[in-house]
Amino acid sequence: MSVIVVEFLTLDGVVEDPDGSGGTATGGWAFRHGPEAVAGDKFRLGDLLDTGTLLLGRTTWELFSKLWPGRTDEFSVRLNNAAKLIASRTLDDVSAWQNSSLLQGDLVDEVRRHEGELIVIGSVGIAQTLAGHGLVDEYRLLVFPSVVGVGRRLFEAPADLALVSATQVGSAVLGTYRTR
């Protein structure tokens, strides 16, 4: 089992409302930098979309289930075809996006039992919970040259990470880190 967390991030560590859909005063910061930074397989997931399972929270799943199913480019097709596991206490129907199923039982217990790669996209609460239990193996962080000053941050506790790679993606930088 391996857990990979992928997130949009500002220089000051904020992950909240990168696309503006949350309606926050500082929202939309990622999309102000042009499409090359946010389009396609920006997190270099590649074959992981074919072999791994996406782990999403309710809010992210609801947003994505309205956004992705109608798209037909290569990345969208792979994302739509990927297995999706949804952690929610309130959803009972996840048929709006193909290959979605509800996580049964406790999040941490289910992740520990899961075989194969789990890819957490967005879903900051899930990422934080799994990190708090030492279950995150890798972070792929797309860092944008924006400082918003306020908002939810990915890291709530100290973390020592090892840099694996850094690649420019448009005006952003994709940093891949392993946990120590």
C-alpha atoms as a PDB file:
ATOM      1  CA  MET A   1       0.000   0.000   0.000  1.00  0.00           C
ATOM      2  CA  SER A   2       1.224   3.477  -0.880  1.00  0.00           C
ATOM      3  CA  VAL A   3      -0.530   6.824  -0.332  1.00  0.00           C
ATOM      4  CA  ILE A   4       0.248   9.753  -2.627  1.00  0.00           C
ATOM      5  CA  VAL A   5      -1.204  13.186  -1.836  1.00  0.00           C
ATOM      6  CA  VAL A   6      -1.515  15.688  -4.695  1.00  0.00           C
ATOM      7  CA  GLU A   7      -2.386  19.322  -4.000  1.00  0.00           C
ATOM      8  CA  PHE A   8      -2.325  22.814  -5.443  1.00  0.00           C
ATOM      9  CA  LEU A   9      -0.458  25.054  -2.985  1.00  0.00           C
ATOM     10  CA  THR A  10       0.447  28.737  -2.659  1.00  0.00           C
ATOM     11  CA  LEU A  11       3.918  29.887  -1.622  1.00  0.00           C
ATOM     12  CA  ASP A  12       2.554  30.488   1.879  1.00  0.00           C
ATOM     13  CA  GLY A  13       1.147  26.953   2.098  1.00  0.00           C
ATOM     14  CA  VAL A  14      -2.553  27.612   1.454  1.00  0.00           C
ATOM     15  CA  VAL A  15      -4.535  24.892  -0.328  1.00  0.00           C
ATOM     16  CA  GLU A  16      -7.999  26.347   0.110  1.00  0.00           C
ATOM     17  CA  ASP A  17     -10.078  27.279  -2.928  1.00  0.00           C
ATOM     18  CA  PRO A  18      -7.498  27.096  -5.750  1.00  0.00           C
ATOM     19  CA  ASP A  19     -10.189  27.277  -8.449  1.00  0.00           C
ATOM     20  CA  GLY A  20     -12.491  29.814  -6.782  1.00  0.00           C
ATOM     21  CA  SER A  21     -15.415  27.378  -6.511  1.00  0.00           C
ATOM     22  CA  GLY A  22     -15.412  27.788  -2.720  1.00  0.00           C
ATOM     23  CA  GLY A  23     -16.275  31.459  -3.044  1.00  0.00           C
ATOM     24  CA  THR A  24     -13.559  32.647  -0.659  1.00  0.00           C
ATOM     25  CA  ALA A  25     -12.151  36.176  -0.965  1.00  0.00           C
ATOM     26  CA  THR A  26      -8.766  34.810  -2.088  1.00  0.00           C
ATOM     27  CA  GLY A  27     -10.093  31.910  -4.191  1.00  0.00           C
ATOM     28  CA  GLY A  28      -9.037  31.169  -7.753  1.00  0.00           C
ATOM     29  CA  TRP A  29      -5.339  31.751  -7.142  1.00  0.00           C
ATOM     30  CA  ALA A  30      -4.194  28.700  -9.148  1.00  0.00           C
ATOM     31  CA  PHE A  31      -6.215  29.577 -12.235  1.00  0.00           C
ATOM     32  CA  ARG A  32      -4.826  33.105 -12.454  1.00  0.00           C
ATOM     33  CA  HIS A  33      -1.569  31.649 -13.793  1.00  0.00           C
ATOM     34  CA  GLY A  34      -2.893  30.295 -17.066  1.00  0.00           C
ATOM     35  CA  PRO A  35      -4.000  26.906 -18.343  1.00  0.00           C
ATOM     36  CA  GLU A  36      -0.561  25.329 -18.775  1.00  0.00           C
ATOM     37  CA  ALA A  37      -0.159  25.006 -15.022  1.00  0.00           C
ATOM     38  CA  VAL A  38      -3.542  23.409 -14.357  1.00  0.00           C
ATOM     39  CA  ALA A  39      -4.428  21.455 -17.515  1.00  0.00           C
ATOM     40  CA  GLY A  40      -3.821  17.770 -18.149  1.00  0.00           C
ATOM     41  CA  ASP A  41      -1.681  15.461 -16.045  1.00  0.00           C
ATOM     42  CA  LYS A  42       0.025  18.244 -14.091  1.00  0.00           C
ATOM     43  CA  PHE A  43       0.854  15.893 -11.189  1.00  0.00           C
ATOM     44  CA  ARG A  44       2.521  13.318 -13.460  1.00  0.00           C
ATOM     45  CA  LEU A  45       0.205  10.538 -12.350  1.00  0.00           C
ATOM     46  CA  GLY A  46       0.480   8.659 -15.661  1.00  0.00           C
ATOM     47  CA  ASP A  47      -0.057   4.934 -15.222  1.00  0.00           C
ATOM     48  CA  LEU A  48      -1.115   5.415 -11.589  1.00  0.00           C
ATOM     49  CA  LEU A  49      -4.507   6.439 -12.965  1.00  0.00           C
ATOM     50  CA  ASP A  50      -4.771   2.985 -14.535  1.00  0.00           C
ATOM     51  CA  THR A  51      -3.490   0.949 -11.593  1.00  0.00           C
ATOM     52  CA  GLY A  52      -4.197   3.033  -8.487  1.00  0.00           C
ATOM     53  CA  THR A  53      -7.345   4.199  -6.750  1.00  0.00           C
ATOM     54  CA  LEU A  54      -8.342   7.818  -6.271  1.00  0.00           C
ATOM     55  CA  LEU A  55      -9.346   8.589  -2.676  1.00  0.00           C
ATOM     56  CA  LEU A  56     -11.613  11.619  -2.506  1.00  0.00           C
ATOM     57  CA  GLY A  57     -13.680  13.359   0.124  1.00  0.00           C
ATOM     58  CA  ARG A  58     -17.282  14.354  -0.469  1.00  0.00           C
ATOM     59  CA  THR A  59     -16.635  17.986  -1.420  1.00  0.00           C
ATOM     60  CA  THR A  60     -13.907  17.167  -3.936  1.00  0.00           C
ATOM     61  CA  TRP A  61     -15.893  14.266  -5.373  1.00  0.00           C
ATOM     62  CA  GLU A  62     -19.003  16.419  -5.821  1.00  0.00           C
ATOM     63  CA  LEU A  63     -17.000  19.112  -7.621  1.00  0.00           C
ATOM     64  CA  PHE A  64     -15.121  16.632  -9.807  1.00  0.00           C
ATOM     65  CA  SER A  65     -18.240  14.559 -10.611  1.00  0.00           C
ATOM     66  CA  LYS A  66     -19.730  17.659 -12.268  1.00  0.00           C
ATOM     67  CA  LEU A  67     -16.513  18.687 -14.001  1.00  0.00           C
ATOM     68  CA  TRP A  68     -14.802  15.582 -15.416  1.00  0.00           C
ATOM     69  CA  PRO A  69     -17.381  13.093 -16.799  1.00  0.00           C
ATOM     70  CA  GLY A  70     -18.174  15.176 -19.903  1.00  0.00           C
ATOM     71  CA  ARG A  71     -14.545  15.642 -20.941  1.00  0.00           C
ATOM     72  CA  THR A  72     -12.935  13.436 -23.572  1.00  0.00           C
ATOM     73  CA  ASP A  73      -9.240  14.415 -23.762  1.00  0.00           C
ATOM     74  CA  GLU A  74      -6.692  11.695 -22.929  1.00  0.00           C
ATOM     75  CA  PHE A  75      -6.126  12.763 -19.310  1.00  0.00           C
ATOM     76  CA  SER A  76      -9.861  13.137 -18.618  1.00  0.00           C
ATOM     77  CA  VAL A  77     -10.614   9.690 -20.042  1.00  0.00           C
ATOM     78  CA  ARG A  78      -7.965   8.146 -17.760  1.00  0.00           C
ATOM     79  CA  LEU A  79      -9.284  10.083 -14.756  1.00  0.00           C
ATOM     80  CA  ASN A  80     -12.870   9.090 -15.538  1.00  0.00           C
ATOM     81  CA  ASN A  81     -11.885   5.431 -15.925  1.00  0.00           C
ATOM     82  CA  ALA A  82      -9.884   5.363 -12.678  1.00  0.00           C
ATOM     83  CA  ALA A  83     -11.274   3.584  -9.625  1.00  0.00           C
ATOM     84  CA  LYS A  84     -12.567   6.105  -7.100  1.00  0.00           C
ATOM     85  CA  LEU A  85     -13.098   5.556  -3.390  1.00  0.00           C
ATOM     86  CA  ILE A  86     -15.207   8.235  -1.705  1.00  0.00           C
ATOM     87  CA  ALA A  87     -14.979   9.001   2.012  1.00  0.00           C
ATOM     88  CA  SER A  88     -18.267  10.537   3.097  1.00  0.00           C
ATOM     89  CA  ARG A  89     -20.662  10.306   6.000  1.00  0.00           C
ATOM     90  CA  THR A  90     -23.486  11.942   4.035  1.00  0.00           C
ATOM     91  CA  LEU A  91     -23.388  10.637   0.458  1.00  0.00           C
ATOM     92  CA  ASP A  92     -25.318   7.498  -0.358  1.00  0.00           C
ATOM     93  CA  ASP A  93     -25.216   7.692  -4.156  1.00  0.00           C
ATOM     94  CA  VAL A  94     -21.968   8.100  -6.090  1.00  0.00           C
ATOM     95  CA  SER A  95     -23.268   6.973  -9.478  1.00  0.00           C
ATOM     96  CA  ALA A  96     -22.762  10.447 -11.033  1.00  0.00           C
ATOM     97  CA  TRP A  97     -19.119   9.612 -11.795  1.00  0.00           C
ATOM     98  CA  GLN A  98     -18.181   6.200 -13.153  1.00  0.00           C
ATOM     99  CA  ASN A  99     -16.139   3.756 -11.103  1.00  0.00           C
ATOM    100  CA  SER A 100     -16.943   5.536  -7.831  1.00  0.00           C
ATOM    101  CA  SER A 101     -17.738   3.641  -4.657  1.00  0.00           C
ATOM    102  CA  LEU A 102     -18.244   4.682  -1.057  1.00  0.00           C
ATOM    103  CA  LEU A 103     -15.587   3.827   1.479  1.00  0.00           C
ATOM    104  CA  GLN A 104     -17.070   1.533   4.080  1.00  0.00           C
ATOM    105  CA  GLY A 105     -15.890   1.751   7.673  1.00  0.00           C
ATOM    106  CA  ASP A 106     -13.203   3.877   9.266  1.00  0.00           C
ATOM    107  CA  LEU A 107     -10.978   5.871   6.879  1.00  0.00           C
ATOM    108  CA  VAL A 108      -7.672   5.000   8.566  1.00  0.00           C
ATOM    109  CA  ASP A 109      -8.539   1.309   8.939  1.00  0.00           C
ATOM    110  CA  GLU A 110      -9.672   1.040   5.328  1.00  0.00           C
ATOM    111  CA  VAL A 111      -6.524   2.769   4.038  1.00  0.00           C
ATOM    112  CA  ARG A 112      -4.336   0.430   6.082  1.00  0.00           C
ATOM    113  CA  ARG A 113      -6.141  -2.569   4.561  1.00  0.00           C
ATOM    114  CA  HIS A 114      -6.038  -1.251   0.990  1.00  0.00           C
ATOM    115  CA  GLU A 115      -3.703  -2.937  -1.463  1.00  0.00           C
ATOM    116  CA  GLY A 116      -2.054  -0.838  -4.162  1.00  0.00           C
ATOM    117  CA  GLU A 117      -1.663   2.894  -4.562  1.00  0.00           C
ATOM    118  CA  LEU A 118      -4.146   5.401  -3.192  1.00  0.00           C
ATOM    119  CA  ILE A 119      -4.045   8.877  -4.705  1.00  0.00           C
ATOM    120  CA  VAL A 120      -5.586  11.636  -2.592  1.00  0.00           C
ATOM    121  CA  ILE A 121      -6.504  14.586  -4.806  1.00  0.00           C
ATOM    122  CA  GLY A 122      -7.566  17.750  -2.999  1.00  0.00           C
ATOM    123  CA  SER A 123      -9.508  16.405  -0.026  1.00  0.00           C
ATOM    124  CA  VAL A 124      -7.306  18.196   2.510  1.00  0.00           C
ATOM    125  CA  GLY A 125      -9.054  16.694   5.539  1.00  0.00           C
ATOM    126  CA  ILE A 126      -8.321  13.189   4.297  1.00  0.00           C
ATOM    127  CA  ALA A 127      -4.685  14.093   3.560  1.00  0.00           C
ATOM    128  CA  GLN A 128      -4.270  15.576   7.040  1.00  0.00           C
ATOM    129  CA  THR A 129      -5.897  12.609   8.749  1.00  0.00           C
ATOM    130  CA  LEU A 130      -3.709  10.120   6.888  1.00  0.00           C
ATOM    131  CA  ALA A 131      -0.566  12.191   7.551  1.00  0.00           C
ATOM    132  CA  GLY A 132      -1.456  12.293  11.245  1.00  0.00           C
ATOM    133  CA  HIS A 133      -1.415   8.495  11.249  1.00  0.00           C
ATOM    134  CA  GLY A 134       1.858   8.257   9.321  1.00  0.00           C
ATOM    135  CA  LEU A 135       0.165   6.855   6.222  1.00  0.00           C
ATOM    136  CA  VAL A 136       1.286   9.350   3.556  1.00  0.00           C
ATOM    137  CA  ASP A 137       4.277   8.138   1.553  1.00  0.00           C
ATOM    138  CA  GLU A 138       4.570  10.899  -1.032  1.00  0.00           C
ATOM    139  CA  TYR A 139       3.412  14.442  -1.712  1.00  0.00           C
ATOM    140  CA  ARG A 140       3.155  15.932  -5.196  1.00  0.00           C
ATOM    141  CA  LEU A 141       2.672  19.641  -4.620  1.00  0.00           C
ATOM    142  CA  LEU A 142       2.055  22.102  -7.440  1.00  0.00           C
ATOM    143  CA  VAL A 143       3.258  25.361  -5.909  1.00  0.00           C
ATOM    144  CA  PHE A 144       1.993  28.582  -7.469  1.00  0.00           C
ATOM    145  CA  PRO A 145       3.751  31.954  -7.175  1.00  0.00           C
ATOM    146  CA  SER A 146       0.903  33.419  -5.137  1.00  0.00           C
ATOM    147  CA  VAL A 147       0.743  34.486  -1.518  1.00  0.00           C
ATOM    148  CA  VAL A 148      -2.818  34.774  -0.231  1.00  0.00           C
ATOM    149  CA  GLY A 149      -2.144  35.234   3.482  1.00  0.00           C
ATOM    150  CA  VAL A 150      -5.204  33.393   4.767  1.00  0.00           C
ATOM    151  CA  GLY A 151      -6.857  30.051   4.224  1.00  0.00           C
ATOM    152  CA  ARG A 152      -6.579  26.410   5.082  1.00  0.00           C
ATOM    153  CA  ARG A 153      -3.086  24.985   4.915  1.00  0.00           C
ATOM    154  CA  LEU A 154      -2.045  21.437   4.102  1.00  0.00           C
ATOM    155  CA  PHE A 155       0.477  21.061   6.898  1.00  0.00           C
ATOM    156  CA  GLU A 156      -0.872  21.635  10.402  1.00  0.00           C
ATOM    157  CA  ALA A 157       2.064  19.984  12.146  1.00  0.00           C
ATOM    158  CA  PRO A 158       5.812  19.878  11.508  1.00  0.00           C
ATOM    159  CA  ALA A 159       6.872  17.561   8.696  1.00  0.00           C
ATOM    160  CA  ASP A 160      10.291  16.538   7.442  1.00  0.00           C
ATOM    161  CA  LEU A 161      10.176  15.631   3.776  1.00  0.00           C
ATOM    162  CA  ALA A 162      12.832  14.580   1.291  1.00  0.00           C
ATOM    163  CA  LEU A 163      12.791  16.267  -2.112  1.00  0.00           C
ATOM    164  CA  VAL A 164      12.601  13.754  -4.950  1.00  0.00           C
ATOM    165  CA  SER A 165      12.191  16.175  -7.851  1.00  0.00           C
ATOM    166  CA  ALA A 166      11.190  19.688  -8.839  1.00  0.00           C
ATOM    167  CA  THR A 167       9.853  20.550 -12.288  1.00  0.00           C
ATOM    168  CA  GLN A 168       8.560  23.822 -13.685  1.00  0.00           C
ATOM    169  CA  VAL A 169       4.963  23.525 -14.916  1.00  0.00           C
ATOM    170  CA  GLY A 170       3.990  26.832 -16.498  1.00  0.00           C
ATOM    171  CA  SER A 171       4.452  29.423 -13.793  1.00  0.00           C
ATOM    172  CA  ALA A 172       4.168  26.798 -11.039  1.00  0.00           C
ATOM    173  CA  VAL A 173       6.639  24.235  -9.708  1.00  0.00           C
ATOM    174  CA  LEU A 174       5.742  20.580  -9.188  1.00  0.00           C
ATOM    175  CA  GLY A 175       7.657  19.361  -6.158  1.00  0.00           C
ATOM    176  CA  THR A 176       7.631  15.658  -5.352  1.00  0.00           C
ATOM    177  CA  TYR A 177       8.519  14.760  -1.776  1.00  0.00           C
ATOM    178  CA  ARG A 178       8.838  11.501   0.155  1.00  0.00           C
ATOM    179  CA  THR A 179       8.083  11.298   3.824  1.00  0.00           C
ATOM    180  CA  ARG A 180      10.970  10.347   6.075  1.00  0.00           C
END
